[in-house]
Protein backbone atom coordinates (compact mmCIF):
# COMPACT_ATOMS: atom_id res chain seq x y z
CA MET A 1 136.41 -11.69 134.59
CA GLY A 2 132.88 -10.61 134.58
CA GLU A 3 130.43 -8.05 133.43
CA ARG A 4 130.92 -6.21 130.11
CA LYS A 5 129.78 -2.71 129.17
CA ARG A 6 129.89 -0.84 125.91
CA GLN A 7 131.09 2.72 126.45
CA GLN A 8 129.73 5.76 124.61
CA ASN A 9 132.96 5.92 122.55
CA GLY A 10 132.28 2.39 121.23
CA TYR A 11 134.92 0.56 123.27
CA TRP A 12 134.01 -2.47 125.35
CA THR A 13 135.04 -2.54 129.00
CA ILE A 14 135.12 -5.57 131.24
CA ARG A 15 135.16 -5.86 135.02
CA THR A 16 138.39 -7.47 136.23
CA GLU A 17 139.78 -8.11 139.70
CA THR A 18 141.48 -4.72 139.52
CA GLY A 19 138.45 -2.81 138.21
CA TRP A 20 136.99 -1.84 134.82
CA ARG A 21 139.37 -2.15 131.88
CA PHE A 22 139.19 -1.95 128.10
CA GLU A 23 138.46 -5.47 126.89
CA HIS A 24 140.84 -5.19 123.93
CA HIS A 25 143.66 -4.35 126.39
CA VAL A 26 142.87 -7.41 128.51
CA ILE A 27 142.83 -9.64 125.41
CA ALA A 28 146.09 -8.21 124.08
CA GLU A 29 147.80 -8.72 127.43
CA ALA A 30 146.53 -12.28 127.87
CA ILE A 31 146.91 -13.64 124.35
CA ILE A 32 149.28 -11.45 122.33
CA LEU A 33 151.79 -10.08 124.83
CA ARG A 34 151.39 -12.52 127.72
CA ARG A 35 152.30 -9.60 129.97
CA ALA A 36 150.86 -6.28 131.06
CA LEU A 37 150.84 -3.40 128.60
CA LEU A 38 153.66 -0.96 129.18
CA PRO A 39 152.81 2.72 129.78
CA ASN A 40 154.09 3.60 126.29
CA GLU A 41 152.02 0.92 124.50
CA MET A 42 148.54 1.08 122.99
CA VAL A 43 146.24 -1.43 121.33
CA LYS A 44 144.63 -0.66 117.97
CA PHE A 45 142.06 -2.48 115.86
CA ARG A 46 143.51 -3.50 112.49
CA ASP A 47 140.15 -3.16 110.75
CA GLY A 48 138.95 -0.19 112.82
CA ASN A 49 136.01 -2.23 114.13
CA LYS A 50 135.82 -1.93 117.94
CA ASP A 51 133.45 -4.91 118.02
CA ASN A 52 136.04 -7.21 116.41
CA LEU A 53 137.89 -8.36 119.52
CA LEU A 54 139.62 -11.31 117.86
CA PRO A 55 143.31 -11.38 118.77
CA ASP A 56 144.29 -11.32 115.07
CA ASN A 57 142.51 -7.96 114.77
CA LEU A 58 144.45 -6.37 117.65
CA LEU A 59 147.77 -4.65 117.12
CA VAL A 60 150.03 -3.38 119.90
CA HIS A 61 151.84 -0.14 119.05
CA THR A 62 154.29 2.04 120.87
CA LYS A 63 152.67 5.41 121.60
CA GLY A 64 154.06 8.15 119.42
CA HIS A 65 155.00 5.71 116.64
CA GLN A 66 152.16 6.86 114.42
CA ASN A 67 152.54 10.47 115.52
CA ALA A 68 156.14 10.48 114.30
CA ARG A 69 155.07 9.08 110.91
CA LYS A 70 152.30 11.66 110.57
CA ARG A 71 154.63 14.49 111.57
CA LEU A 72 157.24 13.29 109.07
CA ALA A 73 154.63 13.32 106.31
CA VAL A 74 153.65 16.88 107.24
CA VAL A 75 157.29 18.02 107.26
CA GLU A 76 158.01 16.36 103.91
CA GLU A 77 154.95 18.04 102.34
CA ARG A 78 156.04 21.40 103.73
CA LEU A 79 159.53 20.84 102.28
CA ARG A 80 157.96 20.17 98.85
CA GLU A 81 155.94 23.39 99.16
CA LEU A 82 159.00 25.39 100.21
CA ASN A 83 161.08 23.96 97.38
CA ALA A 84 158.36 24.87 94.87
CA GLU A 85 158.30 28.39 96.30
CA ARG A 86 162.11 28.56 96.07
CA VAL A 87 162.04 27.50 92.42
CA GLU A 88 159.42 30.17 91.65
CA LEU A 89 161.45 32.87 93.42
CA LEU A 90 164.59 31.86 91.53
CA ARG A 91 162.60 32.03 88.27
CA GLN A 92 161.35 35.52 89.13
CA LEU A 93 164.85 36.69 90.04
CA ALA A 94 166.22 35.32 86.78
CA GLN A 95 163.52 37.20 84.81
CA ASN A 96 164.31 40.48 86.61
CA SER A 97 168.04 40.22 85.98
């Protein structure tokens, strides 16, 4: 391991034998996983602080995991909106009958 650089996006990179890599990925592989990251895995910072490279602050996620949760929340909100619209339409129909 060698030289470190801070990128414009705030992430730290480190020079490894295979080239420049995100330092939080290298730490997660070496200490948390004890293996290479899989293509469908990502490393997040628990506290959102890209300078906090302590292993306890790093969390390995499967890509798409959060996207599915966010999409579910959007769908559930839309269902609530549609149900409210349905109730209003039924009320209007009952008044016109």
